[in-house]
Amino acid sequence: MATRAITSADFEKLVNDSDLVLFDFWATWCGPCKAFGPVFEAASEANPDIVFAKVDIDQNQDLAAAAGISAVPTLMIAKKGQIIFKQAGALRASDLDDLIAQAKKLKVPANAGEAAAK
């Protein structure tokens, strides 16, 4: 599955309805974002079982603010409704592959967000 651009309206649904989602918060004017974009795209092609979403922070300022994005690129990973990783900075392909492998292995209870809210 290739990457897809998302908006604020899509974000919560993706987090809650997908087993594993990687979000790339980026901006058109950001040099490191342009370097990381092809790495993120290649990872999406290699991992069709994962949702890869790109969030343009200039077009989705409310979402970037709500997610606490203070630098771009920022990679955020959600698994079974929980944010399990968030880090600013462009990653090398090997580092992204390693992070994806760790995220896949991480045990997260289903509906953990709902259980924590009770």
PDB file of N, CA and C in Angstrom:
ATOM      1  N   MET A   1       0.846  -1.177   0.000  1.00  0.00           N
ATOM      2  CA  MET A   1       0.000   0.000   0.000  1.00  0.00           C
ATOM      3  C   MET A   1       0.888   1.235   0.000  1.00  0.00           C
ATOM      4  N   ALA A   2       0.620   2.153  -0.868  1.00  0.00           N
ATOM      5  CA  ALA A   2       1.386   3.395  -0.915  1.00  0.00           C
ATOM      6  C   ALA A   2       0.932   4.317   0.206  1.00  0.00           C
ATOM      7  N   THR A   3       1.702   5.368   0.418  1.00  0.00           N
ATOM      8  CA  THR A   3       1.318   6.338   1.436  1.00  0.00           C
ATOM      9  C   THR A   3       0.071   7.085   0.987  1.00  0.00           C
ATOM     10  N   ARG A   4      -0.634   7.646   1.964  1.00  0.00           N
ATOM     11  CA  ARG A   4      -1.782   8.462   1.615  1.00  0.00           C
ATOM     12  C   ARG A   4      -1.799   9.714   2.470  1.00  0.00           C
ATOM     13  N   ALA A   5      -2.222  10.801   1.854  1.00  0.00           N
ATOM     14  CA  ALA A   5      -2.334  12.074   2.568  1.00  0.00           C
ATOM     15  C   ALA A   5      -3.602  12.036   3.400  1.00  0.00           C
ATOM     16  N   ILE A   6      -3.504  12.523   4.632  1.00  0.00           N
ATOM     17  CA  ILE A   6      -4.685  12.547   5.485  1.00  0.00           C
ATOM     18  C   ILE A   6      -4.899  13.938   6.056  1.00  0.00           C
ATOM     19  N   THR A   7      -6.090  14.141   6.589  1.00  0.00           N
ATOM     20  CA  THR A   7      -6.463  15.404   7.218  1.00  0.00           C
ATOM     21  C   THR A   7      -6.862  15.129   8.660  1.00  0.00           C
ATOM     22  N   SER A   8      -7.212  16.176   9.353  1.00  0.00           N
ATOM     23  CA  SER A   8      -7.657  16.044  10.744  1.00  0.00           C
ATOM     24  C   SER A   8      -8.830  15.086  10.861  1.00  0.00           C
ATOM     25  N   ALA A   9      -9.727  15.130   9.891  1.00  0.00           N
ATOM     26  CA  ALA A   9     -10.921  14.285   9.919  1.00  0.00           C
ATOM     27  C   ALA A   9     -10.568  12.797   9.843  1.00  0.00           C
ATOM     28  N   ASP A  10      -9.475  12.464   9.160  1.00  0.00           N
ATOM     29  CA  ASP A  10      -9.061  11.067   8.981  1.00  0.00           C
ATOM     30  C   ASP A  10      -8.247  10.515  10.151  1.00  0.00           C
ATOM     31  N   PHE A  11      -7.576  11.392  10.867  1.00  0.00           N
ATOM     32  CA  PHE A  11      -6.569  10.966  11.843  1.00  0.00           C
ATOM     33  C   PHE A  11      -7.136  10.028  12.907  1.00  0.00           C
ATOM     34  N   GLU A  12      -8.153  10.463  13.622  1.00  0.00           N
ATOM     35  CA  GLU A  12      -8.691   9.661  14.729  1.00  0.00           C
ATOM     36  C   GLU A  12      -9.230   8.315  14.237  1.00  0.00           C
ATOM     37  N   LYS A  13      -9.889   8.334  13.079  1.00  0.00           N
ATOM     38  CA  LYS A  13     -10.422   7.090  12.521  1.00  0.00           C
ATOM     39  C   LYS A  13      -9.288   6.116  12.207  1.00  0.00           C
ATOM     40  N   LEU A  14      -8.202   6.613  11.616  1.00  0.00           N
ATOM     41  CA  LEU A  14      -7.061   5.745  11.314  1.00  0.00           C
ATOM     42  C   LEU A  14      -6.455   5.163  12.585  1.00  0.00           C
ATOM     43  N   VAL A  15      -6.279   6.002  13.598  1.00  0.00           N
ATOM     44  CA  VAL A  15      -5.683   5.537  14.856  1.00  0.00           C
ATOM     45  C   VAL A  15      -6.547   4.454  15.477  1.00  0.00           C
ATOM     46  N   ASN A  16      -7.849   4.672  15.501  1.00  0.00           N
ATOM     47  CA  ASN A  16      -8.753   3.748  16.190  1.00  0.00           C
ATOM     48  C   ASN A  16      -9.112   2.504  15.382  1.00  0.00           C
ATOM     49  N   ASP A  17      -9.127   2.610  14.061  1.00  0.00           N
ATOM     50  CA  ASP A  17      -9.603   1.504  13.228  1.00  0.00           C
ATOM     51  C   ASP A  17      -8.496   0.669  12.586  1.00  0.00           C
ATOM     52  N   SER A  18      -7.250   1.066  12.747  1.00  0.00           N
ATOM     53  CA  SER A  18      -6.137   0.351  12.107  1.00  0.00           C
ATOM     54  C   SER A  18      -5.276  -0.328  13.164  1.00  0.00           C
ATOM     55  N   ASP A  19      -4.762  -1.487  12.815  1.00  0.00           N
ATOM     56  CA  ASP A  19      -3.887  -2.197  13.736  1.00  0.00           C
ATOM     57  C   ASP A  19      -2.584  -1.432  13.940  1.00  0.00           C
ATOM     58  N   LEU A  20      -1.982  -0.955  12.846  1.00  0.00           N
ATOM     59  CA  LEU A  20      -0.703  -0.261  12.921  1.00  0.00           C
ATOM     60  C   LEU A  20      -0.678   0.840  11.871  1.00  0.00           C
ATOM     61  N   VAL A  21      -0.372   2.069  12.314  1.00  0.00           N
ATOM     62  CA  VAL A  21      -0.322   3.229  11.414  1.00  0.00           C
ATOM     63  C   VAL A  21       0.954   4.011  11.671  1.00  0.00           C
ATOM     64  N   LEU A  22       1.656   4.351  10.602  1.00  0.00           N
ATOM     65  CA  LEU A  22       2.804   5.251  10.692  1.00  0.00           C
ATOM     66  C   LEU A  22       2.405   6.579  10.067  1.00  0.00           C
ATOM     67  N   PHE A  23       2.616   7.666  10.815  1.00  0.00           N
ATOM     68  CA  PHE A  23       2.309   9.011  10.346  1.00  0.00           C
ATOM     69  C   PHE A  23       3.602   9.774  10.126  1.00  0.00           C
ATOM     70  N   ASP A  24       3.721  10.395   8.970  1.00  0.00           N
ATOM     71  CA  ASP A  24       4.842  11.277   8.656  1.00  0.00           C
ATOM     72  C   ASP A  24       4.296  12.696   8.648  1.00  0.00           C
ATOM     73  N   PHE A  25       4.606  13.478   9.703  1.00  0.00           N
ATOM     74  CA  PHE A  25       4.233  14.888   9.740  1.00  0.00           C
ATOM     75  C   PHE A  25       5.351  15.650   9.035  1.00  0.00           C
ATOM     76  N   TRP A  26       5.005  16.395   7.986  1.00  0.00           N
ATOM     77  CA  TRP A  26       6.001  17.002   7.128  1.00  0.00           C
ATOM     78  C   TRP A  26       5.519  18.369   6.627  1.00  0.00           C
ATOM     79  N   ALA A  27       6.412  19.068   5.913  1.00  0.00           N
ATOM     80  CA  ALA A  27       6.075  20.356   5.293  1.00  0.00           C
ATOM     81  C   ALA A  27       6.809  20.473   3.958  1.00  0.00           C
ATOM     82  N   THR A  28       6.189  21.150   3.015  1.00  0.00           N
ATOM     83  CA  THR A  28       6.771  21.290   1.679  1.00  0.00           C
ATOM     84  C   THR A  28       8.088  22.057   1.698  1.00  0.00           C
ATOM     85  N   TRP A  29       8.264  22.972   2.648  1.00  0.00           N
ATOM     86  CA  TRP A  29       9.457  23.815   2.720  1.00  0.00           C
ATOM     87  C   TRP A  29      10.606  23.163   3.491  1.00  0.00           C
ATOM     88  N   CYS A  30      10.412  21.952   3.998  1.00  0.00           N
ATOM     89  CA  CYS A  30      11.365  21.286   4.885  1.00  0.00           C
ATOM     90  C   CYS A  30      12.314  20.372   4.103  1.00  0.00           C
ATOM     91  N   GLY A  31      13.599  20.719   4.093  1.00  0.00           N
ATOM     92  CA  GLY A  31      14.601  19.907   3.397  1.00  0.00           C
ATOM     93  C   GLY A  31      14.688  18.477   3.907  1.00  0.00           C
ATOM     94  N   PRO A  32      14.826  18.266   5.229  1.00  0.00           N
ATOM     95  CA  PRO A  32      14.878  16.903   5.742  1.00  0.00           C
ATOM     96  C   PRO A  32      13.604  16.099   5.428  1.00  0.00           C
ATOM     97  N   CYS A  33      12.459  16.791   5.350  1.00  0.00           N
ATOM     98  CA  CYS A  33      11.203  16.108   4.992  1.00  0.00           C
ATOM     99  C   CYS A  33      11.286  15.568   3.573  1.00  0.00           C
ATOM    100  N   LYS A  34      11.873  16.365   2.678  1.00  0.00           N
ATOM    101  CA  LYS A  34      12.020  15.935   1.288  1.00  0.00           C
ATOM    102  C   LYS A  34      12.956  14.738   1.184  1.00  0.00           C
ATOM    103  N   ALA A  35      13.966  14.689   2.053  1.00  0.00           N
ATOM    104  CA  ALA A  35      14.895  13.552   2.060  1.00  0.00           C
ATOM    105  C   ALA A  35      14.230  12.307   2.644  1.00  0.00           C
ATOM    106  N   PHE A  36      13.390  12.484   3.667  1.00  0.00           N
ATOM    107  CA  PHE A  36      12.748  11.348   4.330  1.00  0.00           C
ATOM    108  C   PHE A  36      11.566  10.812   3.524  1.00  0.00           C
ATOM    109  N   GLY A  37      10.925  11.643   2.720  1.00  0.00           N
ATOM    110  CA  GLY A  37       9.745  11.236   1.950  1.00  0.00           C
ATOM    111  C   GLY A  37       9.938   9.949   1.158  1.00  0.00           C
ATOM    112  N   PRO A  38      10.997   9.840   0.343  1.00  0.00           N
ATOM    113  CA  PRO A  38      11.203   8.604  -0.428  1.00  0.00           C
ATOM    114  C   PRO A  38      11.477   7.376   0.457  1.00  0.00           C
ATOM    115  N   VAL A  39      12.103   7.575   1.607  1.00  0.00           N
ATOM    116  CA  VAL A  39      12.364   6.479   2.547  1.00  0.00           C
ATOM    117  C   VAL A  39      11.031   5.970   3.101  1.00  0.00           C
ATOM    118  N   PHE A  40      10.151   6.909   3.480  1.00  0.00           N
ATOM    119  CA  PHE A  40       8.825   6.565   4.009  1.00  0.00           C
ATOM    120  C   PHE A  40       7.999   5.858   2.942  1.00  0.00           C
ATOM    121  N   GLU A  41       8.056   6.366   1.716  1.00  0.00           N
ATOM    122  CA  GLU A  41       7.313   5.762   0.596  1.00  0.00           C
ATOM    123  C   GLU A  41       7.803   4.339   0.319  1.00  0.00           C
ATOM    124  N   ALA A  42       9.123   4.138   0.323  1.00  0.00           N
ATOM    125  CA  ALA A  42       9.681   2.804   0.076  1.00  0.00           C
ATOM    126  C   ALA A  42       9.251   1.824   1.170  1.00  0.00           C
ATOM    127  N   ALA A  43       9.226   2.299   2.418  1.00  0.00           N
ATOM    128  CA  ALA A  43       8.787   1.439   3.522  1.00  0.00           C
ATOM    129  C   ALA A  43       7.318   1.067   3.362  1.00  0.00           C
ATOM    130  N   SER A  44       6.522   1.996   2.837  1.00  0.00           N
ATOM    131  CA  SER A  44       5.097   1.703   2.641  1.00  0.00           C
ATOM    132  C   SER A  44       4.910   0.623   1.584  1.00  0.00           C
ATOM    133  N   GLU A  45       5.733   0.645   0.557  1.00  0.00           N
ATOM    134  CA  GLU A  45       5.648  -0.372  -0.497  1.00  0.00           C
ATOM    135  C   GLU A  45       6.096  -1.741   0.030  1.00  0.00           C
ATOM    136  N   ALA A  46       7.067  -1.746   0.946  1.00  0.00           N
ATOM    137  CA  ALA A  46       7.596  -2.994   1.493  1.00  0.00           C
ATOM    138  C   ALA A  46       6.718  -3.582   2.598  1.00  0.00           C
ATOM    139  N   ASN A  47       5.781  -2.792   3.119  1.00  0.00           N
ATOM    140  CA  ASN A  47       4.938  -3.231   4.232  1.00  0.00           C
ATOM    141  C   ASN A  47       3.465  -2.955   3.927  1.00  0.00           C
ATOM    142  N   PRO A  48       2.887  -3.698   2.996  1.00  0.00           N
ATOM    143  CA  PRO A  48       1.503  -3.429   2.591  1.00  0.00           C
ATOM    144  C   PRO A  48       0.475  -3.706   3.688  1.00  0.00           C
ATOM    145  N   ASP A  49       0.893  -4.372   4.766  1.00  0.00           N
ATOM    146  CA  ASP A  49      -0.010  -4.670   5.871  1.00  0.00           C
ATOM    147  C   ASP A  49      -0.137  -3.516   6.876  1.00  0.00           C
ATOM    148  N   ILE A  50       0.602  -2.439   6.654  1.00  0.00           N
ATOM    149  CA  ILE A  50       0.607  -1.285   7.551  1.00  0.00           C
ATOM    150  C   ILE A  50       0.066  -0.072   6.802  1.00  0.00           C
ATOM    151  N   VAL A  51      -0.643   0.798   7.524  1.00  0.00           N
ATOM    152  CA  VAL A  51      -1.111   2.059   6.946  1.00  0.00           C
ATOM    153  C   VAL A  51       0.000   3.097   7.117  1.00  0.00           C
ATOM    154  N   PHE A  52       0.384   3.735   6.023  1.00  0.00           N
ATOM    155  CA  PHE A  52       1.375   4.812   6.028  1.00  0.00           C
ATOM    156  C   PHE A  52       0.666   6.096   5.619  1.00  0.00           C
ATOM    157  N   ALA A  53       0.631   7.071   6.514  1.00  0.00           N
ATOM    158  CA  ALA A  53      -0.104   8.305   6.268  1.00  0.00           C
ATOM    159  C   ALA A  53       0.817   9.510   6.379  1.00  0.00           C
ATOM    160  N   LYS A  54       0.618  10.461   5.469  1.00  0.00           N
ATOM    161  CA  LYS A  54       1.403  11.688   5.475  1.00  0.00           C
ATOM    162  C   LYS A  54       0.494  12.851   5.867  1.00  0.00           C
ATOM    163  N   VAL A  55       0.996  13.702   6.767  1.00  0.00           N
ATOM    164  CA  VAL A  55       0.237  14.857   7.233  1.00  0.00           C
ATOM    165  C   VAL A  55       1.039  16.119   6.933  1.00  0.00           C
ATOM    166  N   ASP A  56       0.549  16.933   6.005  1.00  0.00           N
ATOM    167  CA  ASP A  56       1.158  18.218   5.694  1.00  0.00           C
ATOM    168  C   ASP A  56       0.767  19.176   6.817  1.00  0.00           C
ATOM    169  N   ILE A  57       1.748  19.598   7.615  1.00  0.00           N
ATOM    170  CA  ILE A  57       1.431  20.409   8.792  1.00  0.00           C
ATOM    171  C   ILE A  57       0.903  21.799   8.434  1.00  0.00           C
ATOM    172  N   ASP A  58       1.253  22.301   7.252  1.00  0.00           N
ATOM    173  CA  ASP A  58       0.761  23.621   6.847  1.00  0.00           C
ATOM    174  C   ASP A  58      -0.719  23.572   6.468  1.00  0.00           C
ATOM    175  N   GLN A  59      -1.162  22.456   5.937  1.00  0.00           N
ATOM    176  CA  GLN A  59      -2.572  22.310   5.562  1.00  0.00           C
ATOM    177  C   GLN A  59      -3.414  21.715   6.681  1.00  0.00           C
ATOM    178  N   ASN A  60      -2.775  21.223   7.731  1.00  0.00           N
ATOM    179  CA  ASN A  60      -3.471  20.600   8.864  1.00  0.00           C
ATOM    180  C   ASN A  60      -2.880  21.106  10.177  1.00  0.00           C
ATOM    181  N   GLN A  61      -2.872  22.426  10.338  1.00  0.00           N
ATOM    182  CA  GLN A  61      -2.254  23.029  11.516  1.00  0.00           C
ATOM    183  C   GLN A  61      -2.927  22.600  12.813  1.00  0.00           C
ATOM    184  N   ASP A  62      -4.250  22.417  12.780  1.00  0.00           N
ATOM    185  CA  ASP A  62      -4.964  21.990  13.982  1.00  0.00           C
ATOM    186  C   ASP A  62      -4.531  20.591  14.405  1.00  0.00           C
ATOM    187  N   LEU A  63      -4.363  19.702  13.453  1.00  0.00           N
ATOM    188  CA  LEU A  63      -3.929  18.344  13.756  1.00  0.00           C
ATOM    189  C   LEU A  63      -2.492  18.337  14.266  1.00  0.00           C
ATOM    190  N   ALA A  64      -1.618  19.107  13.624  1.00  0.00           N
ATOM    191  CA  ALA A  64      -0.225  19.185  14.061  1.00  0.00           C
ATOM    192  C   ALA A  64      -0.144  19.716  15.488  1.00  0.00           C
ATOM    193  N   ALA A  65      -0.949  20.722  15.806  1.00  0.00           N
ATOM    194  CA  ALA A  65      -0.956  21.280  17.161  1.00  0.00           C
ATOM    195  C   ALA A  65      -1.489  20.251  18.162  1.00  0.00           C
ATOM    196  N   ALA A  66      -2.584  19.578  17.812  1.00  0.00           N
ATOM    197  CA  ALA A  66      -3.175  18.583  18.709  1.00  0.00           C
ATOM    198  C   ALA A  66      -2.220  17.418  18.950  1.00  0.00           C
ATOM    199  N   ALA A  67      -1.414  17.080  17.951  1.00  0.00           N
ATOM    200  CA  ALA A  67      -0.460  15.977  18.075  1.00  0.00           C
ATOM    201  C   ALA A  67       0.849  16.407  18.738  1.00  0.00           C
ATOM    202  N   GLY A  68       0.966  17.697  19.040  1.00  0.00           N
ATOM    203  CA  GLY A  68       2.168  18.188  19.704  1.00  0.00           C
ATOM    204  C   GLY A  68       3.390  18.206  18.815  1.00  0.00           C
ATOM    205  N   ILE A  69       3.179  18.444  17.520  1.00  0.00           N
ATOM    206  CA  ILE A  69       4.294  18.456  16.573  1.00  0.00           C
ATOM    207  C   ILE A  69       5.006  19.806  16.664  1.00  0.00           C
ATOM    208  N   SER A  70       6.289  19.778  17.032  1.00  0.00           N
ATOM    209  CA  SER A  70       7.053  21.011  17.167  1.00  0.00           C
ATOM    210  C   SER A  70       8.209  21.095  16.176  1.00  0.00           C
ATOM    211  N   ALA A  71       8.460  20.012  15.454  1.00  0.00           N
ATOM    212  CA  ALA A  71       9.522  19.983  14.448  1.00  0.00           C
ATOM    213  C   ALA A  71       9.126  18.980  13.371  1.00  0.00           C
ATOM    214  N   VAL A  72       9.628  19.212  12.166  1.00  0.00           N
ATOM    215  CA  VAL A  72       9.364  18.282  11.069  1.00  0.00           C
ATOM    216  C   VAL A  72      10.682  17.879  10.425  1.00  0.00           C
ATOM    217  N   PRO A  73      10.741  16.672   9.903  1.00  0.00           N
ATOM    218  CA  PRO A  73       9.687  15.664   9.937  1.00  0.00           C
ATOM    219  C   PRO A  73       9.559  15.052  11.326  1.00  0.00           C
ATOM    220  N   THR A  74       8.359  14.634  11.664  1.00  0.00           N
ATOM    221  CA  THR A  74       8.118  13.862  12.886  1.00  0.00           C
ATOM    222  C   THR A  74       7.400  12.584  12.486  1.00  0.00           C
ATOM    223  N   LEU A  75       7.920  11.480  12.980  1.00  0.00           N
ATOM    224  CA  LEU A  75       7.298  10.179  12.753  1.00  0.00           C
ATOM    225  C   LEU A  75       6.509   9.811  14.001  1.00  0.00           C
ATOM    226  N   MET A  76       5.253   9.435  13.804  1.00  0.00           N
ATOM    227  CA  MET A  76       4.400   8.982  14.903  1.00  0.00           C
ATOM    228  C   MET A  76       3.852   7.611  14.519  1.00  0.00           C
ATOM    229  N   ILE A  77       3.826   6.705  15.482  1.00  0.00           N
ATOM    230  CA  ILE A  77       3.291   5.359  15.233  1.00  0.00           C
ATOM    231  C   ILE A  77       2.164   5.090  16.220  1.00  0.00           C
ATOM    232  N   ALA A  78       1.040   4.613  15.684  1.00  0.00           N
ATOM    233  CA  ALA A  78      -0.094   4.211  16.510  1.00  0.00           C
ATOM    234  C   ALA A  78      -0.338   2.730  16.294  1.00  0.00           C
ATOM    235  N   LYS A  79      -0.601   2.030  17.397  1.00  0.00           N
ATOM    236  CA  LYS A  79      -0.910   0.605  17.317  1.00  0.00           C
ATOM    237  C   LYS A  79      -2.121   0.335  18.193  1.00  0.00           C
ATOM    238  N   LYS A  80      -3.138  -0.255  17.578  1.00  0.00           N
ATOM    239  CA  LYS A  80      -4.374  -0.625  18.280  1.00  0.00           C
ATOM    240  C   LYS A  80      -4.927   0.519  19.121  1.00  0.00           C
ATOM    241  N   GLY A  81      -4.959   1.712  18.528  1.00  0.00           N
ATOM    242  CA  GLY A  81      -5.567   2.853  19.192  1.00  0.00           C
ATOM    243  C   GLY A  81      -4.668   3.632  20.130  1.00  0.00           C
ATOM    244  N   GLN A  82      -3.411   3.237  20.259  1.00  0.00           N
ATOM    245  CA  GLN A  82      -2.484   3.931  21.149  1.00  0.00           C
ATOM    246  C   GLN A  82      -1.304   4.495  20.367  1.00  0.00           C
ATOM    247  N   ILE A  83      -0.864   5.690  20.747  1.00  0.00           N
ATOM    248  CA  ILE A  83       0.370   6.234  20.179  1.00  0.00           C
ATOM    249  C   ILE A  83       1.511   5.550  20.924  1.00  0.00           C
ATOM    250  N   ILE A  84       2.342   4.825  20.187  1.00  0.00           N
ATOM    251  CA  ILE A  84       3.425   4.063  20.821  1.00  0.00           C
ATOM    252  C   ILE A  84       4.805   4.667  20.548  1.00  0.00           C
ATOM    253  N   PHE A  85       4.868   5.643  19.621  1.00  0.00           N
ATOM    254  CA  PHE A  85       6.161   6.237  19.274  1.00  0.00           C
ATOM    255  C   PHE A  85       5.931   7.597  18.641  1.00  0.00           C
ATOM    256  N   LYS A  86       6.785   8.562  19.004  1.00  0.00           N
ATOM    257  CA  LYS A  86       6.783   9.866  18.332  1.00  0.00           C
ATOM    258  C   LYS A  86       8.176  10.449  18.459  1.00  0.00           C
ATOM    259  N   GLN A  87       8.761  10.785  17.296  1.00  0.00           N
ATOM    260  CA  GLN A  87      10.113  11.333  17.302  1.00  0.00           C
ATOM    261  C   GLN A  87      10.317  12.227  16.091  1.00  0.00           C
ATOM    262  N   ALA A  88      10.938  13.371  16.328  1.00  0.00           N
ATOM    263  CA  ALA A  88      11.277  14.280  15.232  1.00  0.00           C
ATOM    264  C   ALA A  88      12.608  13.864  14.618  1.00  0.00           C
ATOM    265  N   GLY A  89      12.742  14.153  13.331  1.00  0.00           N
ATOM    266  CA  GLY A  89      13.991  13.886  12.631  1.00  0.00           C
ATOM    267  C   GLY A  89      13.819  12.845  11.539  1.00  0.00           C
ATOM    268  N   ALA A  90      14.558  13.032  10.468  1.00  0.00           N
ATOM    269  CA  ALA A  90      14.516  12.082   9.357  1.00  0.00           C
ATOM    270  C   ALA A  90      15.292  10.827   9.743  1.00  0.00           C
ATOM    271  N   LEU A  91      14.762   9.683   9.364  1.00  0.00           N
ATOM    272  CA  LEU A  91      15.413   8.403   9.641  1.00  0.00           C
ATOM    273  C   LEU A  91      16.016   7.822   8.370  1.00  0.00           C
ATOM    274  N   ARG A  92      17.077   7.058   8.532  1.00  0.00           N
ATOM    275  CA  ARG A  92      17.615   6.283   7.417  1.00  0.00           C
ATOM    276  C   ARG A  92      16.679   5.101   7.197  1.00  0.00           C
ATOM    277  N   ALA A  93      16.728   4.526   6.014  1.00  0.00           N
ATOM    278  CA  ALA A  93      15.860   3.390   5.680  1.00  0.00           C
ATOM    279  C   ALA A  93      16.052   2.236   6.656  1.00  0.00           C
ATOM    280  N   SER A  94      17.297   1.930   7.008  1.00  0.00           N
ATOM    281  CA  SER A  94      17.557   0.813   7.921  1.00  0.00           C
ATOM    282  C   SER A  94      16.974   1.076   9.304  1.00  0.00           C
ATOM    283  N   ASP A  95      17.034   2.325   9.761  1.00  0.00           N
ATOM    284  CA  ASP A  95      16.476   2.665  11.069  1.00  0.00           C
ATOM    285  C   ASP A  95      14.953   2.594  11.048  1.00  0.00           C
ATOM    286  N   LEU A  96      14.340   3.035   9.951  1.00  0.00           N
ATOM    287  CA  LEU A  96      12.889   2.948   9.837  1.00  0.00           C
ATOM    288  C   LEU A  96      12.452   1.491   9.785  1.00  0.00           C
ATOM    289  N   ASP A  97      13.179   0.673   9.040  1.00  0.00           N
ATOM    290  CA  ASP A  97      12.857  -0.765   8.970  1.00  0.00           C
ATOM    291  C   ASP A  97      12.930  -1.407  10.350  1.00  0.00           C
ATOM    292  N   ASP A  98      13.949  -1.054  11.131  1.00  0.00           N
ATOM    293  CA  ASP A  98      14.105  -1.591  12.477  1.00  0.00           C
ATOM    294  C   ASP A  98      12.950  -1.141  13.374  1.00  0.00           C
ATOM    295  N   LEU A  99      12.576   0.106  13.264  1.00  0.00           N
ATOM    296  CA  LEU A  99      11.472   0.642  14.061  1.00  0.00           C
ATOM    297  C   LEU A  99      10.151  -0.043  13.710  1.00  0.00           C
ATOM    298  N   ILE A 100       9.925  -0.280  12.428  1.00  0.00           N
ATOM    299  CA  ILE A 100       8.713  -0.989  11.988  1.00  0.00           C
ATOM    300  C   ILE A 100       8.693  -2.407  12.567  1.00  0.00           C
ATOM    301  N   ALA A 101       9.829  -3.093  12.524  1.00  0.00           N
ATOM    302  CA  ALA A 101       9.903  -4.451  13.076  1.00  0.00           C
ATOM    303  C   ALA A 101       9.591  -4.445  14.571  1.00  0.00           C
ATOM    304  N   GLN A 102      10.106  -3.453  15.301  1.00  0.00           N
ATOM    305  CA  GLN A 102       9.832  -3.354  16.735  1.00  0.00           C
ATOM    306  C   GLN A 102       8.348  -3.080  16.982  1.00  0.00           C
ATOM    307  N   ALA A 103       7.762  -2.198  16.181  1.00  0.00           N
ATOM    308  CA  ALA A 103       6.345  -1.865  16.348  1.00  0.00           C
ATOM    309  C   ALA A 103       5.465  -3.079  16.075  1.00  0.00           C
ATOM    310  N   LYS A 104       5.829  -3.854  15.071  1.00  0.00           N
ATOM    311  CA  LYS A 104       5.045  -5.059  14.765  1.00  0.00           C
ATOM    312  C   LYS A 104       5.082  -6.051  15.922  1.00  0.00           C
ATOM    313  N   LYS A 105       6.229  -6.178  16.580  1.00  0.00           N
ATOM    314  CA  LYS A 105       6.409  -7.147  17.662  1.00  0.00           C
ATOM    315  C   LYS A 105       5.789  -6.680  18.977  1.00  0.00           C
ATOM    316  N   LEU A 106       5.648  -5.383  19.170  1.00  0.00           N
ATOM    317  CA  LEU A 106       5.156  -4.842  20.426  1.00  0.00           C
ATOM    318  C   LEU A 106       3.752  -5.344  20.731  1.00  0.00           C
ATOM    319  N   LYS A 107       3.582  -5.867  21.912  1.00  0.00           N
ATOM    320  CA  LYS A 107       2.276  -6.372  22.354  1.00  0.00           C
ATOM    321  C   LYS A 107       1.481  -5.209  22.945  1.00  0.00           C
ATOM    322  N   VAL A 108       0.359  -4.918  22.319  1.00  0.00           N
ATOM    323  CA  VAL A 108      -0.536  -3.872  22.805  1.00  0.00           C
ATOM    324  C   VAL A 108      -1.907  -4.485  22.924  1.00  0.00           C
ATOM    325  N   PRO A 109      -2.519  -4.434  24.099  1.00  0.00           N
ATOM    326  CA  PRO A 109      -3.852  -5.017  24.256  1.00  0.00           C
ATOM    327  C   PRO A 109      -4.870  -4.314  23.348  1.00  0.00           C
ATOM    328  N   ALA A 110      -5.787  -5.075  22.793  1.00  0.00           N
ATOM    329  CA  ALA A 110      -6.855  -4.495  21.988  1.00  0.00           C
ATOM    330  C   ALA A 110      -7.677  -3.567  22.866  1.00  0.00           C
ATOM    331  N   ASN A 111      -8.096  -2.450  22.281  1.00  0.00           N
ATOM    332  CA  ASN A 111      -8.909  -1.461  22.986  1.00  0.00           C
ATOM    333  C   ASN A 111      -8.226  -0.966  24.264  1.00  0.00           C
ATOM    334  N   ALA A 112      -6.916  -0.877  24.246  1.00  0.00           N
ATOM    335  CA  ALA A 112      -6.182  -0.414  25.431  1.00  0.00           C
ATOM    336  C   ALA A 112      -6.574   1.007  25.797  1.00  0.00           C
ATOM    337  N   GLY A 113      -6.859   1.820  24.788  1.00  0.00           N
ATOM    338  CA  GLY A 113      -7.281   3.193  25.047  1.00  0.00           C
ATOM    339  C   GLY A 113      -8.596   3.238  25.796  1.00  0.00           C
ATOM    340  N   GLU A 114      -9.528   2.361  25.429  1.00  0.00           N
ATOM    341  CA  GLU A 114     -10.822   2.306  26.116  1.00  0.00           C
ATOM    342  C   GLU A 114     -10.641   1.823  27.549  1.00  0.00           C
ATOM    343  N   ALA A 115      -9.777   0.832  27.762  1.00  0.00           N
ATOM    344  CA  ALA A 115      -9.566   0.297  29.099  1.00  0.00           C
ATOM    345  C   ALA A 115      -8.950   1.356  30.011  1.00  0.00           C
ATOM    346  N   ALA A 116      -8.025   2.151  29.457  1.00  0.00           N
ATOM    347  CA  ALA A 116      -7.376   3.189  30.258  1.00  0.00           C
ATOM    348  C   ALA A 116      -8.353   4.297  30.645  1.00  0.00           C
ATOM    349  N   ALA A 117      -9.352   4.514  29.819  1.00  0.00           N
ATOM    350  CA  ALA A 117     -10.319   5.576  30.072  1.00  0.00           C
ATOM    351  C   ALA A 117     -11.299   5.196  31.184  1.00  0.00           C
ATOM    352  N   LYS A 118     -11.420   3.914  31.488  1.00  0.00           N
ATOM    353  CA  LYS A 118     -12.378   3.474  32.515  1.00  0.00           C
ATOM    354  C   LYS A 118     -11.839   3.589  33.911  1.00  0.00           C
TER     355      LYS A 118
END
